[in-house]
Amino acid sequence: MTYTVNCVKLGKEAEGLKALPYPGDLGARIYKNVSQEAWNMWLSHQTMLINEYRLSPIEPKARSFLEEEMEKFFFEGGSEKPKEFVAPE
């Protein structure tokens, strides 16, 4: 039996995550409110942010930035793409 959530990002009932995707309270909120499909969307967005801003996820400032963007992406109307970003064709 699959776990379903009312996904805050997609606005519909969808398959939930199989495990907490992130530690702490934010991870618990995501697990309860975000679908696997929306999480996959975040992973793509996060990869774009890391590449465009040349972030190193092991650096505390970069992790803090990504956590803030994750909060925005799921719970505050979305995370913006960098102004210089050009989608690949």
C-alpha atoms as a PDB file:
ATOM      1  CA  MET A   1       0.000   0.000   0.000  1.00  0.00           C
ATOM      2  CA  THR A   2       1.373   3.402  -0.929  1.00  0.00           C
ATOM      3  CA  TYR A   3       1.371   6.399   1.339  1.00  0.00           C
ATOM      4  CA  THR A   4      -0.583   9.350  -0.094  1.00  0.00           C
ATOM      5  CA  VAL A   5      -0.536  13.020   0.830  1.00  0.00           C
ATOM      6  CA  ASN A   6      -2.462  16.097  -0.162  1.00  0.00           C
ATOM      7  CA  CYS A   7       0.530  17.706  -1.859  1.00  0.00           C
ATOM      8  CA  VAL A   8       0.935  21.413  -1.123  1.00  0.00           C
ATOM      9  CA  LYS A   9       3.032  21.938  -4.259  1.00  0.00           C
ATOM     10  CA  LEU A  10       0.779  20.151  -6.747  1.00  0.00           C
ATOM     11  CA  GLY A  11      -2.526  20.868  -5.030  1.00  0.00           C
ATOM     12  CA  LYS A  12      -3.723  17.283  -5.345  1.00  0.00           C
ATOM     13  CA  GLU A  13      -3.670  13.896  -3.657  1.00  0.00           C
ATOM     14  CA  ALA A  14      -0.528  12.034  -4.727  1.00  0.00           C
ATOM     15  CA  GLU A  15       1.936   9.342  -3.693  1.00  0.00           C
ATOM     16  CA  GLY A  16       3.969  10.424  -0.691  1.00  0.00           C
ATOM     17  CA  LEU A  17       7.636   9.992   0.074  1.00  0.00           C
ATOM     18  CA  LYS A  18       8.964   6.678   1.348  1.00  0.00           C
ATOM     19  CA  ALA A  19      11.114   8.261   4.079  1.00  0.00           C
ATOM     20  CA  LEU A  20      11.957  11.631   5.606  1.00  0.00           C
ATOM     21  CA  PRO A  21      13.784  13.496   2.834  1.00  0.00           C
ATOM     22  CA  TYR A  22      15.558  15.972   5.108  1.00  0.00           C
ATOM     23  CA  PRO A  23      16.395  16.081   8.817  1.00  0.00           C
ATOM     24  CA  GLY A  24      14.474  18.000  11.461  1.00  0.00           C
ATOM     25  CA  ASP A  25      11.146  19.788  11.462  1.00  0.00           C
ATOM     26  CA  LEU A  26      11.406  20.835   7.808  1.00  0.00           C
ATOM     27  CA  GLY A  27      11.921  17.218   6.761  1.00  0.00           C
ATOM     28  CA  ALA A  28       8.886  16.139   8.797  1.00  0.00           C
ATOM     29  CA  ARG A  29       6.744  18.891   7.220  1.00  0.00           C
ATOM     30  CA  ILE A  30       7.867  17.874   3.756  1.00  0.00           C
ATOM     31  CA  TYR A  31       7.174  14.193   4.463  1.00  0.00           C
ATOM     32  CA  LYS A  32       3.614  14.971   5.610  1.00  0.00           C
ATOM     33  CA  ASN A  33       2.764  17.519   2.892  1.00  0.00           C
ATOM     34  CA  VAL A  34       4.822  16.873  -0.246  1.00  0.00           C
ATOM     35  CA  SER A  35       4.430  14.155  -2.869  1.00  0.00           C
ATOM     36  CA  GLN A  36       7.195  12.139  -4.484  1.00  0.00           C
ATOM     37  CA  GLU A  37       6.496  13.946  -7.762  1.00  0.00           C
ATOM     38  CA  ALA A  38       6.928  17.374  -6.139  1.00  0.00           C
ATOM     39  CA  TRP A  39      10.078  16.184  -4.334  1.00  0.00           C
ATOM     40  CA  ASN A  40      11.540  15.150  -7.692  1.00  0.00           C
ATOM     41  CA  MET A  41      10.727  18.634  -8.996  1.00  0.00           C
ATOM     42  CA  TRP A  42      12.645  20.095  -6.041  1.00  0.00           C
ATOM     43  CA  LEU A  43      15.669  17.875  -6.735  1.00  0.00           C
ATOM     44  CA  SER A  44      15.835  19.238 -10.292  1.00  0.00           C
ATOM     45  CA  HIS A  45      15.422  22.812  -9.056  1.00  0.00           C
ATOM     46  CA  GLN A  46      18.051  22.293  -6.352  1.00  0.00           C
ATOM     47  CA  THR A  47      20.505  20.914  -8.920  1.00  0.00           C
ATOM     48  CA  MET A  48      19.945  23.991 -11.075  1.00  0.00           C
ATOM     49  CA  LEU A  49      20.552  26.280  -8.052  1.00  0.00           C
ATOM     50  CA  ILE A  50      23.742  24.427  -7.120  1.00  0.00           C
ATOM     51  CA  ASN A  51      25.049  24.639 -10.680  1.00  0.00           C
ATOM     52  CA  GLU A  52      24.026  28.230 -11.419  1.00  0.00           C
ATOM     53  CA  TYR A  53      25.301  29.630  -8.114  1.00  0.00           C
ATOM     54  CA  ARG A  54      28.277  27.229  -8.030  1.00  0.00           C
ATOM     55  CA  LEU A  55      27.356  26.085  -4.540  1.00  0.00           C
ATOM     56  CA  SER A  56      29.150  23.450  -2.528  1.00  0.00           C
ATOM     57  CA  PRO A  57      26.535  21.610  -0.434  1.00  0.00           C
ATOM     58  CA  ILE A  58      29.155  20.821   2.215  1.00  0.00           C
ATOM     59  CA  GLU A  59      29.508  24.515   3.053  1.00  0.00           C
ATOM     60  CA  PRO A  60      27.182  25.699   5.856  1.00  0.00           C
ATOM     61  CA  LYS A  61      26.191  28.907   3.986  1.00  0.00           C
ATOM     62  CA  ALA A  62      25.227  26.910   0.905  1.00  0.00           C
ATOM     63  CA  ARG A  63      23.206  24.404   2.961  1.00  0.00           C
ATOM     64  CA  SER A  64      21.431  27.250   4.734  1.00  0.00           C
ATOM     65  CA  PHE A  65      20.620  28.907   1.388  1.00  0.00           C
ATOM     66  CA  LEU A  66      19.298  25.629  -0.058  1.00  0.00           C
ATOM     67  CA  GLU A  67      17.176  25.010   3.036  1.00  0.00           C
ATOM     68  CA  GLU A  68      15.636  28.493   2.705  1.00  0.00           C
ATOM     69  CA  GLU A  69      14.951  27.863  -0.980  1.00  0.00           C
ATOM     70  CA  MET A  70      13.396  24.479  -0.154  1.00  0.00           C
ATOM     71  CA  GLU A  71      11.054  26.183   2.328  1.00  0.00           C
ATOM     72  CA  LYS A  72      10.097  28.744  -0.344  1.00  0.00           C
ATOM     73  CA  PHE A  73       9.704  26.081  -3.041  1.00  0.00           C
ATOM     74  CA  PHE A  74       7.175  24.048  -1.073  1.00  0.00           C
ATOM     75  CA  PHE A  75       5.504  26.379   1.403  1.00  0.00           C
ATOM     76  CA  GLU A  76       5.932  30.004   0.290  1.00  0.00           C
ATOM     77  CA  GLY A  77       4.834  30.109  -3.325  1.00  0.00           C
ATOM     78  CA  GLY A  78       8.036  28.939  -5.007  1.00  0.00           C
ATOM     79  CA  SER A  79      11.752  29.454  -5.321  1.00  0.00           C
ATOM     80  CA  GLU A  80      12.938  31.768  -8.084  1.00  0.00           C
ATOM     81  CA  LYS A  81      15.388  30.756 -10.769  1.00  0.00           C
ATOM     82  CA  PRO A  82      18.550  32.889 -11.022  1.00  0.00           C
ATOM     83  CA  LYS A  83      18.093  35.860 -13.355  1.00  0.00           C
ATOM     84  CA  GLU A  84      20.928  34.630 -15.571  1.00  0.00           C
ATOM     85  CA  PHE A  85      19.474  31.124 -15.925  1.00  0.00           C
ATOM     86  CA  VAL A  86      18.819  29.948 -19.477  1.00  0.00           C
ATOM     87  CA  ALA A  87      17.009  26.632 -19.796  1.00  0.00           C
ATOM     88  CA  PRO A  88      18.793  24.108 -22.026  1.00  0.00           C
ATOM     89  CA  GLU A  89      17.143  23.505 -25.388  1.00  0.00           C
END
